PDB file of N, CA and C in Angstrom:
ATOM      1  N   GLN A   1      28.015  -4.255  -5.486  1.00  0.00           N
ATOM      2  CA  GLN A   1      26.821  -4.049  -6.292  1.00  0.00           C
ATOM      3  C   GLN A   1      25.983  -5.329  -6.310  1.00  0.00           C
ATOM      4  N   LEU A   2      24.711  -5.182  -6.075  1.00  0.00           N
ATOM      5  CA  LEU A   2      23.799  -6.304  -6.074  1.00  0.00           C
ATOM      6  C   LEU A   2      23.676  -6.886  -7.483  1.00  0.00           C
ATOM      7  N   GLN A   3      23.600  -8.207  -7.564  1.00  0.00           N
ATOM      8  CA  GLN A   3      23.365  -8.887  -8.825  1.00  0.00           C
ATOM      9  C   GLN A   3      22.137  -9.774  -8.701  1.00  0.00           C
ATOM     10  N   LEU A   4      21.402  -9.897  -9.799  1.00  0.00           N
ATOM     11  CA  LEU A   4      20.169 -10.663  -9.820  1.00  0.00           C
ATOM     12  C   LEU A   4      20.245 -11.752 -10.878  1.00  0.00           C
ATOM     13  N   VAL A   5      19.791 -12.935 -10.528  1.00  0.00           N
ATOM     14  CA  VAL A   5      19.782 -14.056 -11.451  1.00  0.00           C
ATOM     15  C   VAL A   5      18.404 -14.690 -11.452  1.00  0.00           C
ATOM     16  N   GLU A   6      17.750 -14.663 -12.609  1.00  0.00           N
ATOM     17  CA  GLU A   6      16.428 -15.249 -12.744  1.00  0.00           C
ATOM     18  C   GLU A   6      16.527 -16.720 -13.126  1.00  0.00           C
ATOM     19  N   ALA A   7      15.490 -17.448 -12.794  1.00  0.00           N
ATOM     20  CA  ALA A   7      15.393 -18.850 -13.173  1.00  0.00           C
ATOM     21  C   ALA A   7      13.926 -19.243 -13.247  1.00  0.00           C
ATOM     22  N   GLY A   8      13.657 -20.320 -13.936  1.00  0.00           N
ATOM     23  CA  GLY A   8      12.320 -20.870 -13.977  1.00  0.00           C
ATOM     24  C   GLY A   8      11.578 -20.716 -15.284  1.00  0.00           C
ATOM     25  N   GLY A   9      12.106 -19.928 -16.200  1.00  0.00           N
ATOM     26  CA  GLY A   9      11.449 -19.781 -17.483  1.00  0.00           C
ATOM     27  C   GLY A   9      11.458 -21.085 -18.248  1.00  0.00           C
ATOM     28  N   ALA A  10      10.409 -21.308 -19.005  1.00  0.00           N
ATOM     29  CA  ALA A  10      10.268 -22.562 -19.734  1.00  0.00           C
ATOM     30  C   ALA A  10       9.211 -22.432 -20.811  1.00  0.00           C
ATOM     31  N   LEU A  11       9.081 -23.497 -21.584  1.00  0.00           N
ATOM     32  CA  LEU A  11       8.003 -23.625 -22.546  1.00  0.00           C
ATOM     33  C   LEU A  11       6.842 -24.307 -21.846  1.00  0.00           C
ATOM     34  N   VAL A  12       5.679 -23.703 -21.921  1.00  0.00           N
ATOM     35  CA  VAL A  12       4.503 -24.256 -21.261  1.00  0.00           C
ATOM     36  C   VAL A  12       3.285 -24.043 -22.155  1.00  0.00           C
ATOM     37  N   GLN A  13       2.340 -24.933 -22.053  1.00  0.00           N
ATOM     38  CA  GLN A  13       1.109 -24.794 -22.825  1.00  0.00           C
ATOM     39  C   GLN A  13       0.168 -23.786 -22.191  1.00  0.00           C
ATOM     40  N   ALA A  14      -0.664 -23.201 -23.016  1.00  0.00           N
ATOM     41  CA  ALA A  14      -1.664 -22.264 -22.514  1.00  0.00           C
ATOM     42  C   ALA A  14      -2.486 -22.911 -21.408  1.00  0.00           C
ATOM     43  N   GLY A  15      -2.714 -22.136 -20.367  1.00  0.00           N
ATOM     44  CA  GLY A  15      -3.434 -22.648 -19.215  1.00  0.00           C
ATOM     45  C   GLY A  15      -2.532 -23.224 -18.141  1.00  0.00           C
ATOM     46  N   GLY A  16      -1.273 -23.387 -18.461  1.00  0.00           N
ATOM     47  CA  GLY A  16      -0.333 -23.954 -17.522  1.00  0.00           C
ATOM     48  C   GLY A  16       0.202 -22.946 -16.530  1.00  0.00           C
ATOM     49  N   SER A  17       1.129 -23.411 -15.708  1.00  0.00           N
ATOM     50  CA  SER A  17       1.691 -22.588 -14.645  1.00  0.00           C
ATOM     51  C   SER A  17       3.207 -22.665 -14.623  1.00  0.00           C
ATOM     52  N   LEU A  18       3.813 -21.614 -14.131  1.00  0.00           N
ATOM     53  CA  LEU A  18       5.248 -21.565 -13.925  1.00  0.00           C
ATOM     54  C   LEU A  18       5.539 -20.748 -12.682  1.00  0.00           C
ATOM     55  N   ARG A  19       6.656 -21.029 -12.062  1.00  0.00           N
ATOM     56  CA  ARG A  19       7.134 -20.223 -10.960  1.00  0.00           C
ATOM     57  C   ARG A  19       8.519 -19.692 -11.309  1.00  0.00           C
ATOM     58  N   LEU A  20       8.631 -18.399 -11.400  1.00  0.00           N
ATOM     59  CA  LEU A  20       9.913 -17.769 -11.650  1.00  0.00           C
ATOM     60  C   LEU A  20      10.550 -17.369 -10.330  1.00  0.00           C
ATOM     61  N   SER A  21      11.851 -17.432 -10.287  1.00  0.00           N
ATOM     62  CA  SER A  21      12.564 -16.994  -9.105  1.00  0.00           C
ATOM     63  C   SER A  21      13.691 -16.056  -9.493  1.00  0.00           C
ATOM     64  N   CYS A  22      14.046 -15.209  -8.584  1.00  0.00           N
ATOM     65  CA  CYS A  22      15.131 -14.262  -8.773  1.00  0.00           C
ATOM     66  C   CYS A  22      15.971 -14.288  -7.511  1.00  0.00           C
ATOM     67  N   ALA A  23      17.217 -14.656  -7.671  1.00  0.00           N
ATOM     68  CA  ALA A  23      18.128 -14.729  -6.542  1.00  0.00           C
ATOM     69  C   ALA A  23      19.043 -13.515  -6.542  1.00  0.00           C
ATOM     70  N   ALA A  24      19.047 -12.803  -5.454  1.00  0.00           N
ATOM     71  CA  ALA A  24      19.929 -11.652  -5.296  1.00  0.00           C
ATOM     72  C   ALA A  24      21.236 -12.089  -4.651  1.00  0.00           C
ATOM     73  N   SER A  25      22.310 -11.464  -5.063  1.00  0.00           N
ATOM     74  CA  SER A  25      23.629 -11.840  -4.561  1.00  0.00           C
ATOM     75  C   SER A  25      23.902 -11.335  -3.160  1.00  0.00           C
ATOM     76  N   GLY A  26      23.059 -10.438  -2.691  1.00  0.00           N
ATOM     77  CA  GLY A  26      23.218  -9.890  -1.371  1.00  0.00           C
ATOM     78  C   GLY A  26      21.877  -9.654  -0.714  1.00  0.00           C
ATOM     79  N   SER A  27      21.927  -9.028   0.426  1.00  0.00           N
ATOM     80  CA  SER A  27      20.714  -8.765   1.189  1.00  0.00           C
ATOM     81  C   SER A  27      19.758  -7.840   0.442  1.00  0.00           C
ATOM     82  N   ILE A  28      18.470  -8.159   0.533  1.00  0.00           N
ATOM     83  CA  ILE A  28      17.443  -7.291  -0.037  1.00  0.00           C
ATOM     84  C   ILE A  28      16.657  -6.589   1.065  1.00  0.00           C
ATOM     85  N   LEU A  29      17.205  -6.605   2.250  1.00  0.00           N
ATOM     86  CA  LEU A  29      16.620  -5.853   3.349  1.00  0.00           C
ATOM     87  C   LEU A  29      16.785  -4.363   3.093  1.00  0.00           C
ATOM     88  N   GLY A  30      16.045  -3.582   3.805  1.00  0.00           N
ATOM     89  CA  GLY A  30      16.072  -2.148   3.617  1.00  0.00           C
ATOM     90  C   GLY A  30      14.891  -1.698   2.785  1.00  0.00           C
ATOM     91  N   ILE A  31      14.813  -0.417   2.528  1.00  0.00           N
ATOM     92  CA  ILE A  31      13.699   0.139   1.783  1.00  0.00           C
ATOM     93  C   ILE A  31      13.973   0.014   0.288  1.00  0.00           C
ATOM     94  N   ASN A  32      13.210  -0.819  -0.368  1.00  0.00           N
ATOM     95  CA  ASN A  32      13.411  -1.043  -1.785  1.00  0.00           C
ATOM     96  C   ASN A  32      12.148  -1.619  -2.408  1.00  0.00           C
ATOM     97  N   THR A  33      12.154  -1.674  -3.713  1.00  0.00           N
ATOM     98  CA  THR A  33      11.083  -2.317  -4.458  1.00  0.00           C
ATOM     99  C   THR A  33      11.700  -3.312  -5.422  1.00  0.00           C
ATOM    100  N   MET A  34      11.166  -4.506  -5.447  1.00  0.00           N
ATOM    101  CA  MET A  34      11.590  -5.498  -6.408  1.00  0.00           C
ATOM    102  C   MET A  34      10.407  -5.846  -7.299  1.00  0.00           C
ATOM    103  N   GLY A  35      10.705  -6.135  -8.541  1.00  0.00           N
ATOM    104  CA  GLY A  35       9.619  -6.398  -9.457  1.00  0.00           C
ATOM    105  C   GLY A  35      10.000  -7.285 -10.613  1.00  0.00           C
ATOM    106  N   TRP A  36       8.971  -7.701 -11.307  1.00  0.00           N
ATOM    107  CA  TRP A  36       9.119  -8.453 -12.544  1.00  0.00           C
ATOM    108  C   TRP A  36       8.619  -7.612 -13.708  1.00  0.00           C
ATOM    109  N   TYR A  37       9.421  -7.556 -14.729  1.00  0.00           N
ATOM    110  CA  TYR A  37       9.067  -6.890 -15.974  1.00  0.00           C
ATOM    111  C   TYR A  37       9.191  -7.900 -17.101  1.00  0.00           C
ATOM    112  N   ARG A  38       8.541  -7.618 -18.197  1.00  0.00           N
ATOM    113  CA  ARG A  38       8.672  -8.520 -19.334  1.00  0.00           C
ATOM    114  C   ARG A  38       8.790  -7.732 -20.628  1.00  0.00           C
ATOM    115  N   GLN A  39       9.418  -8.355 -21.595  1.00  0.00           N
ATOM    116  CA  GLN A  39       9.580  -7.741 -22.897  1.00  0.00           C
ATOM    117  C   GLN A  39       9.424  -8.802 -23.977  1.00  0.00           C
ATOM    118  N   ALA A  40       8.447  -8.595 -24.826  1.00  0.00           N
ATOM    119  CA  ALA A  40       8.226  -9.465 -25.962  1.00  0.00           C
ATOM    120  C   ALA A  40       8.927  -8.870 -27.177  1.00  0.00           C
ATOM    121  N   PRO A  41       9.233  -9.696 -28.170  1.00  0.00           N
ATOM    122  CA  PRO A  41       9.892  -9.179 -29.373  1.00  0.00           C
ATOM    123  C   PRO A  41       9.114  -8.035 -30.005  1.00  0.00           C
ATOM    124  N   GLY A  42       9.817  -6.946 -30.296  1.00  0.00           N
ATOM    125  CA  GLY A  42       9.184  -5.801 -30.914  1.00  0.00           C
ATOM    126  C   GLY A  42       8.356  -4.948 -29.982  1.00  0.00           C
ATOM    127  N   LYS A  43       8.348  -5.286 -28.704  1.00  0.00           N
ATOM    128  CA  LYS A  43       7.559  -4.543 -27.732  1.00  0.00           C
ATOM    129  C   LYS A  43       8.461  -3.884 -26.695  1.00  0.00           C
ATOM    130  N   GLN A  44       7.922  -2.883 -26.032  1.00  0.00           N
ATOM    131  CA  GLN A  44       8.648  -2.241 -24.952  1.00  0.00           C
ATOM    132  C   GLN A  44       8.561  -3.093 -23.686  1.00  0.00           C
ATOM    133  N   ARG A  45       9.539  -2.911 -22.837  1.00  0.00           N
ATOM    134  CA  ARG A  45       9.509  -3.570 -21.546  1.00  0.00           C
ATOM    135  C   ARG A  45       8.331  -3.031 -20.745  1.00  0.00           C
ATOM    136  N   GLU A  46       7.622  -3.914 -20.069  1.00  0.00           N
ATOM    137  CA  GLU A  46       6.473  -3.498 -19.298  1.00  0.00           C
ATOM    138  C   GLU A  46       6.482  -4.138 -17.917  1.00  0.00           C
ATOM    139  N   LEU A  47       5.933  -3.420 -16.981  1.00  0.00           N
ATOM    140  CA  LEU A  47       5.834  -3.926 -15.623  1.00  0.00           C
ATOM    141  C   LEU A  47       4.816  -5.047 -15.554  1.00  0.00           C
ATOM    142  N   VAL A  48       5.193  -6.120 -14.891  1.00  0.00           N
ATOM    143  CA  VAL A  48       4.277  -7.217 -14.615  1.00  0.00           C
ATOM    144  C   VAL A  48       3.730  -7.074 -13.199  1.00  0.00           C
ATOM    145  N   ALA A  49       4.629  -6.951 -12.257  1.00  0.00           N
ATOM    146  CA  ALA A  49       4.256  -6.788 -10.857  1.00  0.00           C
ATOM    147  C   ALA A  49       5.470  -6.336 -10.071  1.00  0.00           C
ATOM    148  N   ASP A  50       5.234  -5.656  -8.981  1.00  0.00           N
ATOM    149  CA  ASP A  50       6.322  -5.344  -8.078  1.00  0.00           C
ATOM    150  C   ASP A  50       5.863  -5.439  -6.633  1.00  0.00           C
ATOM    151  N   ILE A  51       6.813  -5.431  -5.747  1.00  0.00           N
ATOM    152  CA  ILE A  51       6.525  -5.578  -4.328  1.00  0.00           C
ATOM    153  C   ILE A  51       7.574  -4.817  -3.540  1.00  0.00           C
ATOM    154  N   THR A  52       7.125  -4.037  -2.590  1.00  0.00           N
ATOM    155  CA  THR A  52       8.051  -3.277  -1.774  1.00  0.00           C
ATOM    156  C   THR A  52       8.623  -4.154  -0.672  1.00  0.00           C
ATOM    157  N   SER A  53       9.651  -3.641  -0.031  1.00  0.00           N
ATOM    158  CA  SER A  53      10.237  -4.362   1.094  1.00  0.00           C
ATOM    159  C   SER A  53       9.240  -4.512   2.232  1.00  0.00           C
ATOM    160  N   GLY A  54       8.241  -3.640   2.259  1.00  0.00           N
ATOM    161  CA  GLY A  54       7.193  -3.734   3.252  1.00  0.00           C
ATOM    162  C   GLY A  54       6.063  -4.666   2.875  1.00  0.00           C
ATOM    163  N   GLY A  55       6.114  -5.228   1.667  1.00  0.00           N
ATOM    164  CA  GLY A  55       5.126  -6.198   1.243  1.00  0.00           C
ATOM    165  C   GLY A  55       3.956  -5.647   0.445  1.00  0.00           C
ATOM    166  N   LYS A  56       4.020  -4.391   0.056  1.00  0.00           N
ATOM    167  CA  LYS A  56       2.952  -3.823  -0.755  1.00  0.00           C
ATOM    168  C   LYS A  56       3.110  -4.266  -2.203  1.00  0.00           C
ATOM    169  N   ARG A  57       2.065  -4.856  -2.754  1.00  0.00           N
ATOM    170  CA  ARG A  57       2.103  -5.408  -4.103  1.00  0.00           C
ATOM    171  C   ARG A  57       1.365  -4.542  -5.109  1.00  0.00           C
ATOM    172  N   ASN A  58       1.871  -4.564  -6.318  1.00  0.00           N
ATOM    173  CA  ASN A  58       1.261  -3.852  -7.424  1.00  0.00           C
ATOM    174  C   ASN A  58       1.300  -4.758  -8.645  1.00  0.00           C
ATOM    175  N   TYR A  59       0.162  -4.868  -9.350  1.00  0.00           N
ATOM    176  CA  TYR A  59       0.074  -5.747 -10.507  1.00  0.00           C
ATOM    177  C   TYR A  59      -0.414  -4.999 -11.730  1.00  0.00           C
ATOM    178  N   ALA A  60       0.125  -5.378 -12.868  1.00  0.00           N
ATOM    179  CA  ALA A  60      -0.427  -4.905 -14.120  1.00  0.00           C
ATOM    180  C   ALA A  60      -1.803  -5.532 -14.317  1.00  0.00           C
ATOM    181  N   ASP A  61      -2.682  -4.807 -14.975  1.00  0.00           N
ATOM    182  CA  ASP A  61      -4.040  -5.302 -15.171  1.00  0.00           C
ATOM    183  C   ASP A  61      -4.078  -6.641 -15.900  1.00  0.00           C
ATOM    184  N   PHE A  62      -3.158  -6.840 -16.814  1.00  0.00           N
ATOM    185  CA  PHE A  62      -3.214  -8.047 -17.635  1.00  0.00           C
ATOM    186  C   PHE A  62      -2.797  -9.315 -16.906  1.00  0.00           C
ATOM    187  N   VAL A  63      -2.282  -9.180 -15.691  1.00  0.00           N
ATOM    188  CA  VAL A  63      -1.920 -10.376 -14.922  1.00  0.00           C
ATOM    189  C   VAL A  63      -2.675 -10.483 -13.606  1.00  0.00           C
ATOM    190  N   LYS A  64      -3.419  -9.465 -13.276  1.00  0.00           N
ATOM    191  CA  LYS A  64      -4.129  -9.450 -12.005  1.00  0.00           C
ATOM    192  C   LYS A  64      -5.084 -10.640 -11.918  1.00  0.00           C
ATOM    193  N   GLY A  65      -4.987 -11.352 -10.815  1.00  0.00           N
ATOM    194  CA  GLY A  65      -5.807 -12.532 -10.627  1.00  0.00           C
ATOM    195  C   GLY A  65      -5.179 -13.804 -11.141  1.00  0.00           C
ATOM    196  N   ARG A  66      -4.108 -13.684 -11.898  1.00  0.00           N
ATOM    197  CA  ARG A  66      -3.421 -14.850 -12.444  1.00  0.00           C
ATOM    198  C   ARG A  66      -2.027 -15.038 -11.865  1.00  0.00           C
ATOM    199  N   PHE A  67      -1.330 -13.934 -11.634  1.00  0.00           N
ATOM    200  CA  PHE A  67       0.043 -13.992 -11.140  1.00  0.00           C
ATOM    201  C   PHE A  67       0.102 -13.511  -9.696  1.00  0.00           C
ATOM    202  N   THR A  68       1.069 -14.025  -8.971  1.00  0.00           N
ATOM    203  CA  THR A  68       1.302 -13.595  -7.609  1.00  0.00           C
ATOM    204  C   THR A  68       2.787 -13.334  -7.406  1.00  0.00           C
ATOM    205  N   ILE A  69       3.107 -12.141  -6.954  1.00  0.00           N
ATOM    206  CA  ILE A  69       4.492 -11.804  -6.669  1.00  0.00           C
ATOM    207  C   ILE A  69       4.728 -11.936  -5.170  1.00  0.00           C
ATOM    208  N   SER A  70       5.890 -12.416  -4.818  1.00  0.00           N
ATOM    209  CA  SER A  70       6.244 -12.552  -3.415  1.00  0.00           C
ATOM    210  C   SER A  70       7.754 -12.436  -3.254  1.00  0.00           C
ATOM    211  N   ARG A  71       8.176 -12.241  -2.037  1.00  0.00           N
ATOM    212  CA  ARG A  71       9.604 -12.162  -1.763  1.00  0.00           C
ATOM    213  C   ARG A  71       9.905 -12.841  -0.449  1.00  0.00           C
ATOM    214  N   ASN A  72      11.079 -13.394  -0.367  1.00  0.00           N
ATOM    215  CA  ASN A  72      11.565 -14.013   0.845  1.00  0.00           C
ATOM    216  C   ASN A  72      12.864 -13.309   1.196  1.00  0.00           C
ATOM    217  N   ASN A  73      12.759 -12.363   2.097  1.00  0.00           N
ATOM    218  CA  ASN A  73      13.918 -11.551   2.437  1.00  0.00           C
ATOM    219  C   ASN A  73      15.032 -12.360   3.096  1.00  0.00           C
ATOM    220  N   ALA A  74      14.660 -13.375   3.842  1.00  0.00           N
ATOM    221  CA  ALA A  74      15.656 -14.210   4.500  1.00  0.00           C
ATOM    222  C   ALA A  74      16.501 -14.972   3.484  1.00  0.00           C
ATOM    223  N   LYS A  75      15.899 -15.295   2.343  1.00  0.00           N
ATOM    224  CA  LYS A  75      16.605 -16.028   1.295  1.00  0.00           C
ATOM    225  C   LYS A  75      17.100 -15.128   0.178  1.00  0.00           C
ATOM    226  N   ASN A  76      16.835 -13.837   0.287  1.00  0.00           N
ATOM    227  CA  ASN A  76      17.225 -12.869  -0.742  1.00  0.00           C
ATOM    228  C   ASN A  76      16.655 -13.253  -2.110  1.00  0.00           C
ATOM    229  N   LYS A  77      15.383 -13.621  -2.109  1.00  0.00           N
ATOM    230  CA  LYS A  77      14.762 -14.085  -3.340  1.00  0.00           C
ATOM    231  C   LYS A  77      13.429 -13.410  -3.621  1.00  0.00           C
ATOM    232  N   LEU A  78      13.147 -13.284  -4.881  1.00  0.00           N
ATOM    233  CA  LEU A  78      11.887 -12.771  -5.391  1.00  0.00           C
ATOM    234  C   LEU A  78      11.254 -13.855  -6.245  1.00  0.00           C
ATOM    235  N   TYR A  79       9.943 -13.974  -6.174  1.00  0.00           N
ATOM    236  CA  TYR A  79       9.235 -15.009  -6.920  1.00  0.00           C
ATOM    237  C   TYR A  79       8.076 -14.425  -7.712  1.00  0.00           C
ATOM    238  N   LEU A  80       7.721 -15.132  -8.756  1.00  0.00           N
ATOM    239  CA  LEU A  80       6.508 -14.822  -9.501  1.00  0.00           C
ATOM    240  C   LEU A  80       5.808 -16.132  -9.811  1.00  0.00           C
ATOM    241  N   GLU A  81       4.665 -16.336  -9.192  1.00  0.00           N
ATOM    242  CA  GLU A  81       3.836 -17.498  -9.469  1.00  0.00           C
ATOM    243  C   GLU A  81       2.894 -17.131 -10.603  1.00  0.00           C
ATOM    244  N   MET A  82       2.984 -17.868 -11.683  1.00  0.00           N
ATOM    245  CA  MET A  82       2.229 -17.570 -12.885  1.00  0.00           C
ATOM    246  C   MET A  82       1.250 -18.705 -13.163  1.00  0.00           C
ATOM    247  N   ASN A  83      -0.019 -18.375 -13.181  1.00  0.00           N
ATOM    248  CA  ASN A  83      -1.068 -19.349 -13.443  1.00  0.00           C
ATOM    249  C   ASN A  83      -1.899 -18.915 -14.644  1.00  0.00           C
ATOM    250  N   SER A  84      -2.623 -19.864 -15.197  1.00  0.00           N
ATOM    251  CA  SER A  84      -3.500 -19.593 -16.339  1.00  0.00           C
ATOM    252  C   SER A  84      -2.773 -18.834 -17.434  1.00  0.00           C
ATOM    253  N   LEU A  85      -1.617 -19.321 -17.780  1.00  0.00           N
ATOM    254  CA  LEU A  85      -0.783 -18.632 -18.757  1.00  0.00           C
ATOM    255  C   LEU A  85      -1.430 -18.592 -20.130  1.00  0.00           C
ATOM    256  N   LYS A  86      -1.201 -17.489 -20.817  1.00  0.00           N
ATOM    257  CA  LYS A  86      -1.733 -17.260 -22.143  1.00  0.00           C
ATOM    258  C   LYS A  86      -0.589 -17.064 -23.124  1.00  0.00           C
ATOM    259  N   PRO A  87      -0.821 -17.343 -24.407  1.00  0.00           N
ATOM    260  CA  PRO A  87       0.238 -17.120 -25.397  1.00  0.00           C
ATOM    261  C   PRO A  87       0.791 -15.691 -25.364  1.00  0.00           C
ATOM    262  N   GLU A  88      -0.040 -14.715 -25.066  1.00  0.00           N
ATOM    263  CA  GLU A  88       0.414 -13.338 -25.006  1.00  0.00           C
ATOM    264  C   GLU A  88       1.320 -13.045 -23.815  1.00  0.00           C
ATOM    265  N   ASP A  89       1.465 -14.007 -22.907  1.00  0.00           N
ATOM    266  CA  ASP A  89       2.417 -13.873 -21.812  1.00  0.00           C
ATOM    267  C   ASP A  89       3.837 -14.195 -22.248  1.00  0.00           C
ATOM    268  N   THR A  90       3.986 -14.691 -23.457  1.00  0.00           N
ATOM    269  CA  THR A  90       5.301 -15.039 -23.971  1.00  0.00           C
ATOM    270  C   THR A  90       6.201 -13.808 -24.006  1.00  0.00           C
ATOM    271  N   ALA A  91       7.332 -13.902 -23.351  1.00  0.00           N
ATOM    272  CA  ALA A  91       8.261 -12.779 -23.259  1.00  0.00           C
ATOM    273  C   ALA A  91       9.484 -13.209 -22.465  1.00  0.00           C
ATOM    274  N   VAL A  92      10.483 -12.354 -22.480  1.00  0.00           N
ATOM    275  CA  VAL A  92      11.588 -12.497 -21.548  1.00  0.00           C
ATOM    276  C   VAL A  92      11.195 -11.759 -20.280  1.00  0.00           C
ATOM    277  N   TYR A  93      11.293 -12.433 -19.169  1.00  0.00           N
ATOM    278  CA  TYR A  93      10.918 -11.854 -17.887  1.00  0.00           C
ATOM    279  C   TYR A  93      12.170 -11.459 -17.118  1.00  0.00           C
ATOM    280  N   TYR A  94      12.182 -10.219 -16.658  1.00  0.00           N
ATOM    281  CA  TYR A  94      13.332  -9.661 -15.976  1.00  0.00           C
ATOM    282  C   TYR A  94      13.019  -9.331 -14.526  1.00  0.00           C
ATOM    283  N   CYS A  95      13.954  -9.616 -13.675  1.00  0.00           N
ATOM    284  CA  CYS A  95      13.879  -9.249 -12.272  1.00  0.00           C
ATOM    285  C   CYS A  95      14.509  -7.874 -12.089  1.00  0.00           C
ATOM    286  N   ASN A  96      13.920  -7.076 -11.228  1.00  0.00           N
ATOM    287  CA  ASN A  96      14.409  -5.726 -10.999  1.00  0.00           C
ATOM    288  C   ASN A  96      14.474  -5.414  -9.514  1.00  0.00           C
ATOM    289  N   TYR A  97      15.506  -4.712  -9.135  1.00  0.00           N
ATOM    290  CA  TYR A  97      15.678  -4.215  -7.778  1.00  0.00           C
ATOM    291  C   TYR A  97      15.864  -2.718  -7.872  1.00  0.00           C
ATOM    292  N   ARG A  98      15.083  -1.973  -7.129  1.00  0.00           N
ATOM    293  CA  ARG A  98      15.117  -0.518  -7.214  1.00  0.00           C
ATOM    294  C   ARG A  98      15.148   0.087  -5.823  1.00  0.00           C
ATOM    295  N   ARG A  99      16.035   1.015  -5.637  1.00  0.00           N
ATOM    296  CA  ARG A  99      16.163   1.687  -4.353  1.00  0.00           C
ATOM    297  C   ARG A  99      16.468   3.163  -4.596  1.00  0.00           C
ATOM    298  N   ILE A 100      15.630   4.019  -4.069  1.00  0.00           N
ATOM    299  CA  ILE A 100      15.810   5.448  -4.278  1.00  0.00           C
ATOM    300  C   ILE A 100      17.106   5.930  -3.633  1.00  0.00           C
ATOM    301  N   TYR A 101      17.330   5.520  -2.402  1.00  0.00           N
ATOM    302  CA  TYR A 101      18.568   5.865  -1.724  1.00  0.00           C
ATOM    303  C   TYR A 101      19.738   5.229  -2.461  1.00  0.00           C
ATOM    304  N   GLY A 102      20.652   6.058  -2.923  1.00  0.00           N
ATOM    305  CA  GLY A 102      21.768   5.574  -3.705  1.00  0.00           C
ATOM    306  C   GLY A 102      21.479   5.455  -5.184  1.00  0.00           C
ATOM    307  N   SER A 103      20.250   5.773  -5.583  1.00  0.00           N
ATOM    308  CA  SER A 103      19.844   5.724  -6.992  1.00  0.00           C
ATOM    309  C   SER A 103      20.185   4.372  -7.615  1.00  0.00           C
ATOM    310  N   ILE A 104      19.779   3.310  -6.950  1.00  0.00           N
ATOM    311  CA  ILE A 104      20.089   1.965  -7.397  1.00  0.00           C
ATOM    312  C   ILE A 104      18.962   1.398  -8.254  1.00  0.00           C
ATOM    313  N   ASP A 105      19.320   0.867  -9.401  1.00  0.00           N
ATOM    314  CA  ASP A 105      18.368   0.231 -10.312  1.00  0.00           C
ATOM    315  C   ASP A 105      19.098  -0.932 -10.978  1.00  0.00           C
ATOM    316  N   VAL A 106      18.785  -2.137 -10.549  1.00  0.00           N
ATOM    317  CA  VAL A 106      19.505  -3.327 -10.984  1.00  0.00           C
ATOM    318  C   VAL A 106      18.570  -4.276 -11.725  1.00  0.00           C
ATOM    319  N   TRP A 107      19.084  -4.850 -12.791  1.00  0.00           N
ATOM    320  CA  TRP A 107      18.316  -5.791 -13.599  1.00  0.00           C
ATOM    321  C   TRP A 107      19.028  -7.129 -13.714  1.00  0.00           C
ATOM    322  N   GLY A 108      18.248  -8.189 -13.766  1.00  0.00           N
ATOM    323  CA  GLY A 108      18.791  -9.496 -14.052  1.00  0.00           C
ATOM    324  C   GLY A 108      18.945  -9.693 -15.547  1.00  0.00           C
ATOM    325  N   GLN A 109      19.403 -10.862 -15.923  1.00  0.00           N
ATOM    326  CA  GLN A 109      19.651 -11.145 -17.331  1.00  0.00           C
ATOM    327  C   GLN A 109      18.401 -11.575 -18.089  1.00  0.00           C
ATOM    328  N   GLY A 110      17.377 -11.928 -17.365  1.00  0.00           N
ATOM    329  CA  GLY A 110      16.127 -12.342 -17.972  1.00  0.00           C
ATOM    330  C   GLY A 110      16.002 -13.847 -18.113  1.00  0.00           C
ATOM    331  N   THR A 111      14.767 -14.308 -18.121  1.00  0.00           N
ATOM    332  CA  THR A 111      14.479 -15.715 -18.345  1.00  0.00           C
ATOM    333  C   THR A 111      13.300 -15.820 -19.309  1.00  0.00           C
ATOM    334  N   GLN A 112      13.428 -16.701 -20.276  1.00  0.00           N
ATOM    335  CA  GLN A 112      12.436 -16.799 -21.338  1.00  0.00           C
ATOM    336  C   GLN A 112      11.235 -17.624 -20.911  1.00  0.00           C
ATOM    337  N   VAL A 113      10.067 -17.047 -21.088  1.00  0.00           N
ATOM    338  CA  VAL A 113       8.810 -17.755 -20.884  1.00  0.00           C
ATOM    339  C   VAL A 113       8.100 -17.829 -22.224  1.00  0.00           C
ATOM    340  N   THR A 114       7.794 -19.031 -22.647  1.00  0.00           N
ATOM    341  CA  THR A 114       7.091 -19.229 -23.905  1.00  0.00           C
ATOM    342  C   THR A 114       5.831 -20.032 -23.643  1.00  0.00           C
ATOM    343  N   VAL A 115       4.712 -19.476 -24.036  1.00  0.00           N
ATOM    344  CA  VAL A 115       3.420 -20.130 -23.838  1.00  0.00           C
ATOM    345  C   VAL A 115       2.861 -20.496 -25.201  1.00  0.00           C
ATOM    346  N   SER A 116       2.681 -21.762 -25.424  1.00  0.00           N
ATOM    347  CA  SER A 116       2.188 -22.242 -26.701  1.00  0.00           C
ATOM    348  C   SER A 116       0.668 -22.327 -26.692  1.00  0.00           C
ATOM    349  N   SER A 117       0.094 -22.234 -27.882  1.00  0.00           N
ATOM    350  CA  SER A 117      -1.359 -22.300 -28.028  1.00  0.00           C
ATOM    351  C   SER A 117      -1.858 -23.723 -27.868  1.00  0.00           C
TER     352      SER A 117
END
């Protein structure tokens, strides 16, 4: 079973930048979608961005133009480049791996991003 480990969360001031990474324990080759989701206290988990194994990207409106999702299949890693951070970006950010074949849906443990005013 694939395992995901996020890293890079930190405390940052508004307007700052962070790069999150997600390391998969195995190959991420094949047909799949990997993404970043976030959950703030008292809120539902929401999609931030995702990217297919073919490189097709999808972004939530609230991060479009500020965040960039990417993946390095050779390194079995997923990244989220976060720029122009806002206090409302404060949340736990989770890495996700999803594959229809085999009904696979894997989540990491999350990494805390806190953006101060």
